[in-house]
Amino acid sequence: RKVSEQLVGLGFDVHAFAPGRALMLGGVRFEAQDGLAGHSDGDVVCHALADAILGAAALGDIGEHFPDTDPAFEGIGGLNLLGRAREMIRVAGCHPVSVDLTVIAERPSIAPVRDAMRRALCDALGVPAERVSVKATRPEGLGLSGDGVGCIALVVLARS
């Protein structure tokens, strides 16, 4: 019996909140919330997912391909970055198969937009909804994002 090879990528991103910016997470806009600082739109979910995609194909990371020193990427949307990363691995002969993602932050609440976020990510990746998990946890005042000043995303992605 042939054992199938498991090919995975791990993605992580963190940004601080920045008043006056729109908050985008997983391609979903959160109303009446401070956004996240960054050269791009600060979407930590899409950034972590793009890093996981690139990592699963051993193609480096988003900082290498979409540097924050390049004016071409200023304000770029997370779903746009994600689509570009997906295209890069497609050219390399790889395809996303499943995603498990966790948002780690005291705020905002992910539950009200979980389905919209999942749909946006499924569309961007071309992966069926039953293969994309979107979870969230609050650090309850502990650690990096438990202080309420930012948002973290952690992603594991399997690819073929």
C-alpha atoms as a PDB file:
ATOM      1  CA  ARG A   1       0.000   0.000   0.000  1.00  0.00           C
ATOM      2  CA  LYS A   2       1.363   3.407  -0.991  1.00  0.00           C
ATOM      3  CA  VAL A   3       1.547   6.027   1.751  1.00  0.00           C
ATOM      4  CA  SER A   4       0.439   9.460   0.548  1.00  0.00           C
ATOM      5  CA  GLU A   5       2.772  12.358   1.111  1.00  0.00           C
ATOM      6  CA  GLN A   6       1.486  15.181   3.296  1.00  0.00           C
ATOM      7  CA  LEU A   7       2.511  18.623   2.036  1.00  0.00           C
ATOM      8  CA  VAL A   8       1.712  21.517   4.355  1.00  0.00           C
ATOM      9  CA  GLY A   9       2.533  25.154   4.947  1.00  0.00           C
ATOM     10  CA  LEU A  10       2.343  27.211   8.121  1.00  0.00           C
ATOM     11  CA  GLY A  11       1.470  30.895   8.090  1.00  0.00           C
ATOM     12  CA  PHE A  12       1.568  33.504  10.843  1.00  0.00           C
ATOM     13  CA  ASP A  13       0.940  37.240  10.800  1.00  0.00           C
ATOM     14  CA  VAL A  14       0.377  39.971  13.359  1.00  0.00           C
ATOM     15  CA  HIS A  15      -0.449  43.671  13.053  1.00  0.00           C
ATOM     16  CA  ALA A  16      -1.272  46.385  15.576  1.00  0.00           C
ATOM     17  CA  PHE A  17      -4.565  48.244  15.441  1.00  0.00           C
ATOM     18  CA  ALA A  18      -4.431  51.651  13.736  1.00  0.00           C
ATOM     19  CA  PRO A  19      -7.252  54.180  14.164  1.00  0.00           C
ATOM     20  CA  GLY A  20      -8.605  55.672  10.958  1.00  0.00           C
ATOM     21  CA  ARG A  21      -8.113  52.546   8.854  1.00  0.00           C
ATOM     22  CA  ALA A  22     -10.739  50.037   7.754  1.00  0.00           C
ATOM     23  CA  LEU A  23     -10.493  46.649   9.467  1.00  0.00           C
ATOM     24  CA  MET A  24     -10.229  43.809   6.968  1.00  0.00           C
ATOM     25  CA  LEU A  25      -9.912  40.189   8.072  1.00  0.00           C
ATOM     26  CA  GLY A  26     -10.183  37.311   5.635  1.00  0.00           C
ATOM     27  CA  GLY A  27     -11.432  39.713   2.982  1.00  0.00           C
ATOM     28  CA  VAL A  28     -14.342  40.838   5.183  1.00  0.00           C
ATOM     29  CA  ARG A  29     -14.724  44.456   6.274  1.00  0.00           C
ATOM     30  CA  PHE A  30     -15.609  45.019   9.923  1.00  0.00           C
ATOM     31  CA  GLU A  31     -17.651  48.161  10.493  1.00  0.00           C
ATOM     32  CA  ALA A  32     -16.988  50.532  13.416  1.00  0.00           C
ATOM     33  CA  GLN A  33     -13.649  48.873  14.236  1.00  0.00           C
ATOM     34  CA  ASP A  34     -10.129  50.234  14.057  1.00  0.00           C
ATOM     35  CA  GLY A  35      -8.169  48.719  11.189  1.00  0.00           C
ATOM     36  CA  LEU A  36      -4.722  47.192  11.279  1.00  0.00           C
ATOM     37  CA  ALA A  37      -1.472  49.018  10.531  1.00  0.00           C
ATOM     38  CA  GLY A  38       0.550  47.985   7.525  1.00  0.00           C
ATOM     39  CA  HIS A  39       1.854  48.843   4.085  1.00  0.00           C
ATOM     40  CA  SER A  40      -1.055  46.839   2.649  1.00  0.00           C
ATOM     41  CA  ASP A  41      -4.584  46.690   4.051  1.00  0.00           C
ATOM     42  CA  GLY A  42      -3.213  44.837   7.115  1.00  0.00           C
ATOM     43  CA  ASP A  43      -5.428  41.758   6.641  1.00  0.00           C
ATOM     44  CA  VAL A  44      -3.552  39.331   8.919  1.00  0.00           C
ATOM     45  CA  VAL A  45      -5.783  36.410   7.890  1.00  0.00           C
ATOM     46  CA  CYS A  46      -5.014  36.749   4.180  1.00  0.00           C
ATOM     47  CA  HIS A  47      -1.343  37.453   4.889  1.00  0.00           C
ATOM     48  CA  ALA A  48      -0.924  34.361   7.079  1.00  0.00           C
ATOM     49  CA  LEU A  49      -2.792  32.280   4.515  1.00  0.00           C
ATOM     50  CA  ALA A  50      -0.625  33.593   1.660  1.00  0.00           C
ATOM     51  CA  ASP A  51       2.479  32.723   3.698  1.00  0.00           C
ATOM     52  CA  ALA A  52       1.122  29.206   4.305  1.00  0.00           C
ATOM     53  CA  ILE A  53       0.442  28.780   0.575  1.00  0.00           C
ATOM     54  CA  LEU A  54       3.928  29.906  -0.386  1.00  0.00           C
ATOM     55  CA  GLY A  55       5.504  27.824   2.377  1.00  0.00           C
ATOM     56  CA  ALA A  56       3.646  24.681   1.309  1.00  0.00           C
ATOM     57  CA  ALA A  57       5.266  25.013  -2.112  1.00  0.00           C
ATOM     58  CA  ALA A  58       8.674  26.089  -0.712  1.00  0.00           C
ATOM     59  CA  LEU A  59       8.371  29.414  -2.558  1.00  0.00           C
ATOM     60  CA  GLY A  60       9.456  31.741   0.227  1.00  0.00           C
ATOM     61  CA  ASP A  61       7.172  34.196   1.998  1.00  0.00           C
ATOM     62  CA  ILE A  62       5.025  37.245   1.293  1.00  0.00           C
ATOM     63  CA  GLY A  63       7.761  39.636   2.439  1.00  0.00           C
ATOM     64  CA  GLU A  64       9.997  38.256  -0.292  1.00  0.00           C
ATOM     65  CA  HIS A  65       7.382  38.440  -3.056  1.00  0.00           C
ATOM     66  CA  PHE A  66       5.367  41.473  -1.891  1.00  0.00           C
ATOM     67  CA  PRO A  67       7.840  43.641   0.086  1.00  0.00           C
ATOM     68  CA  ASP A  68       6.560  46.552   2.145  1.00  0.00           C
ATOM     69  CA  THR A  69       9.267  48.673   0.515  1.00  0.00           C
ATOM     70  CA  ASP A  70       7.614  48.367  -2.913  1.00  0.00           C
ATOM     71  CA  PRO A  71       5.104  51.164  -3.633  1.00  0.00           C
ATOM     72  CA  ALA A  72       3.248  48.796  -5.988  1.00  0.00           C
ATOM     73  CA  PHE A  73       1.916  46.946  -2.935  1.00  0.00           C
ATOM     74  CA  GLU A  74       0.906  49.968  -0.878  1.00  0.00           C
ATOM     75  CA  GLY A  75      -2.693  49.498   0.250  1.00  0.00           C
ATOM     76  CA  ILE A  76      -3.064  46.189  -1.639  1.00  0.00           C
ATOM     77  CA  GLY A  77      -6.014  44.128  -0.466  1.00  0.00           C
ATOM     78  CA  GLY A  78      -5.448  40.857   1.355  1.00  0.00           C
ATOM     79  CA  LEU A  79      -7.595  38.873  -1.087  1.00  0.00           C
ATOM     80  CA  ASN A  80      -5.532  40.296  -3.956  1.00  0.00           C
ATOM     81  CA  LEU A  81      -2.295  39.148  -2.273  1.00  0.00           C
ATOM     82  CA  LEU A  82      -3.867  35.772  -1.586  1.00  0.00           C
ATOM     83  CA  GLY A  83      -4.895  35.383  -5.224  1.00  0.00           C
ATOM     84  CA  ARG A  84      -1.384  36.227  -6.371  1.00  0.00           C
ATOM     85  CA  ALA A  85       0.126  33.647  -3.993  1.00  0.00           C
ATOM     86  CA  ARG A  86      -2.361  31.040  -5.180  1.00  0.00           C
ATOM     87  CA  GLU A  87      -1.396  31.736  -8.792  1.00  0.00           C
ATOM     88  CA  MET A  88       2.288  31.371  -7.934  1.00  0.00           C
ATOM     89  CA  ILE A  89       1.805  27.870  -6.541  1.00  0.00           C
ATOM     90  CA  ARG A  90      -0.522  26.947  -9.404  1.00  0.00           C
ATOM     91  CA  VAL A  91       2.271  27.772 -11.839  1.00  0.00           C
ATOM     92  CA  ALA A  92       4.515  25.523  -9.710  1.00  0.00           C
ATOM     93  CA  GLY A  93       1.995  22.680 -10.161  1.00  0.00           C
ATOM     94  CA  CYS A  94       0.471  22.882  -6.669  1.00  0.00           C
ATOM     95  CA  HIS A  95      -3.082  23.496  -5.426  1.00  0.00           C
ATOM     96  CA  PRO A  96      -4.518  24.279  -1.973  1.00  0.00           C
ATOM     97  CA  VAL A  97      -6.483  21.333  -0.589  1.00  0.00           C
ATOM     98  CA  SER A  98      -7.525  22.380   2.919  1.00  0.00           C
ATOM     99  CA  VAL A  99      -7.075  25.240   5.389  1.00  0.00           C
ATOM    100  CA  ASP A 100      -7.271  25.470   9.154  1.00  0.00           C
ATOM    101  CA  LEU A 101      -7.048  29.041  10.410  1.00  0.00           C
ATOM    102  CA  THR A 102      -7.298  30.665  13.821  1.00  0.00           C
ATOM    103  CA  VAL A 103      -7.662  34.379  14.543  1.00  0.00           C
ATOM    104  CA  ILE A 104      -6.168  35.267  17.931  1.00  0.00           C
ATOM    105  CA  ALA A 105      -7.388  38.598  19.317  1.00  0.00           C
ATOM    106  CA  GLU A 106      -9.437  40.171  22.076  1.00  0.00           C
ATOM    107  CA  ARG A 107     -11.462  41.959  19.388  1.00  0.00           C
ATOM    108  CA  PRO A 108     -13.295  41.897  17.031  1.00  0.00           C
ATOM    109  CA  SER A 109     -15.674  38.985  17.401  1.00  0.00           C
ATOM    110  CA  ILE A 110     -15.262  36.644  14.428  1.00  0.00           C
ATOM    111  CA  ALA A 111     -18.428  34.589  15.018  1.00  0.00           C
ATOM    112  CA  PRO A 112     -20.851  37.050  13.332  1.00  0.00           C
ATOM    113  CA  VAL A 113     -18.809  37.055  10.090  1.00  0.00           C
ATOM    114  CA  ARG A 114     -17.333  33.547  10.163  1.00  0.00           C
ATOM    115  CA  ASP A 115     -19.450  32.307   7.240  1.00  0.00           C
ATOM    116  CA  ALA A 116     -18.740  35.399   5.104  1.00  0.00           C
ATOM    117  CA  MET A 117     -15.009  35.060   5.815  1.00  0.00           C
ATOM    118  CA  ARG A 118     -15.080  31.373   4.955  1.00  0.00           C
ATOM    119  CA  ARG A 119     -16.889  32.069   1.653  1.00  0.00           C
ATOM    120  CA  ALA A 120     -14.415  34.826   0.702  1.00  0.00           C
ATOM    121  CA  LEU A 121     -11.450  32.563   1.420  1.00  0.00           C
ATOM    122  CA  CYS A 122     -12.999  29.589  -0.405  1.00  0.00           C
ATOM    123  CA  ASP A 123     -13.589  31.769  -3.462  1.00  0.00           C
ATOM    124  CA  ALA A 124     -10.043  33.156  -3.366  1.00  0.00           C
ATOM    125  CA  LEU A 125      -8.498  29.698  -3.002  1.00  0.00           C
ATOM    126  CA  GLY A 126     -10.837  27.606  -5.137  1.00  0.00           C
ATOM    127  CA  VAL A 127     -11.311  25.218  -2.207  1.00  0.00           C
ATOM    128  CA  PRO A 128     -14.717  23.794  -1.155  1.00  0.00           C
ATOM    129  CA  ALA A 129     -16.205  25.183   2.073  1.00  0.00           C
ATOM    130  CA  GLU A 130     -15.987  21.826   3.847  1.00  0.00           C
ATOM    131  CA  ARG A 131     -12.190  22.082   3.554  1.00  0.00           C
ATOM    132  CA  VAL A 132     -11.808  25.556   5.084  1.00  0.00           C
ATOM    133  CA  SER A 133     -11.979  25.964   8.854  1.00  0.00           C
ATOM    134  CA  VAL A 134     -12.218  29.462  10.372  1.00  0.00           C
ATOM    135  CA  LYS A 135     -11.836  29.654  14.143  1.00  0.00           C
ATOM    136  CA  ALA A 136     -11.090  32.366  16.672  1.00  0.00           C
ATOM    137  CA  THR A 137      -9.934  32.595  20.250  1.00  0.00           C
ATOM    138  CA  ARG A 138      -9.495  35.361  22.773  1.00  0.00           C
ATOM    139  CA  PRO A 139      -6.266  35.274  24.796  1.00  0.00           C
ATOM    140  CA  GLU A 140      -8.182  36.674  27.818  1.00  0.00           C
ATOM    141  CA  GLY A 141      -5.671  39.393  28.570  1.00  0.00           C
ATOM    142  CA  LEU A 142      -2.604  37.190  28.137  1.00  0.00           C
ATOM    143  CA  GLY A 143       0.194  37.471  25.623  1.00  0.00           C
ATOM    144  CA  LEU A 144       0.794  39.407  22.458  1.00  0.00           C
ATOM    145  CA  SER A 145      -2.756  40.089  21.275  1.00  0.00           C
ATOM    146  CA  GLY A 146      -4.352  39.579  24.661  1.00  0.00           C
ATOM    147  CA  ASP A 147      -3.375  43.150  25.440  1.00  0.00           C
ATOM    148  CA  GLY A 148      -5.966  44.275  22.872  1.00  0.00           C
ATOM    149  CA  VAL A 149      -3.553  46.250  20.717  1.00  0.00           C
ATOM    150  CA  GLY A 150      -3.481  43.942  17.717  1.00  0.00           C
ATOM    151  CA  CYS A 151      -4.624  40.861  15.910  1.00  0.00           C
ATOM    152  CA  ILE A 152      -2.871  37.581  15.044  1.00  0.00           C
ATOM    153  CA  ALA A 153      -3.692  34.901  12.495  1.00  0.00           C
ATOM    154  CA  LEU A 154      -2.244  31.398  12.423  1.00  0.00           C
ATOM    155  CA  VAL A 155      -2.854  29.096   9.433  1.00  0.00           C
ATOM    156  CA  VAL A 156      -2.046  25.546   8.425  1.00  0.00           C
ATOM    157  CA  LEU A 157      -2.630  24.728   4.761  1.00  0.00           C
ATOM    158  CA  ALA A 158      -2.422  21.379   2.998  1.00  0.00           C
ATOM    159  CA  ARG A 159      -1.683  21.285  -0.707  1.00  0.00           C
ATOM    160  CA  SER A 160      -1.518  18.769  -3.493  1.00  0.00           C
END
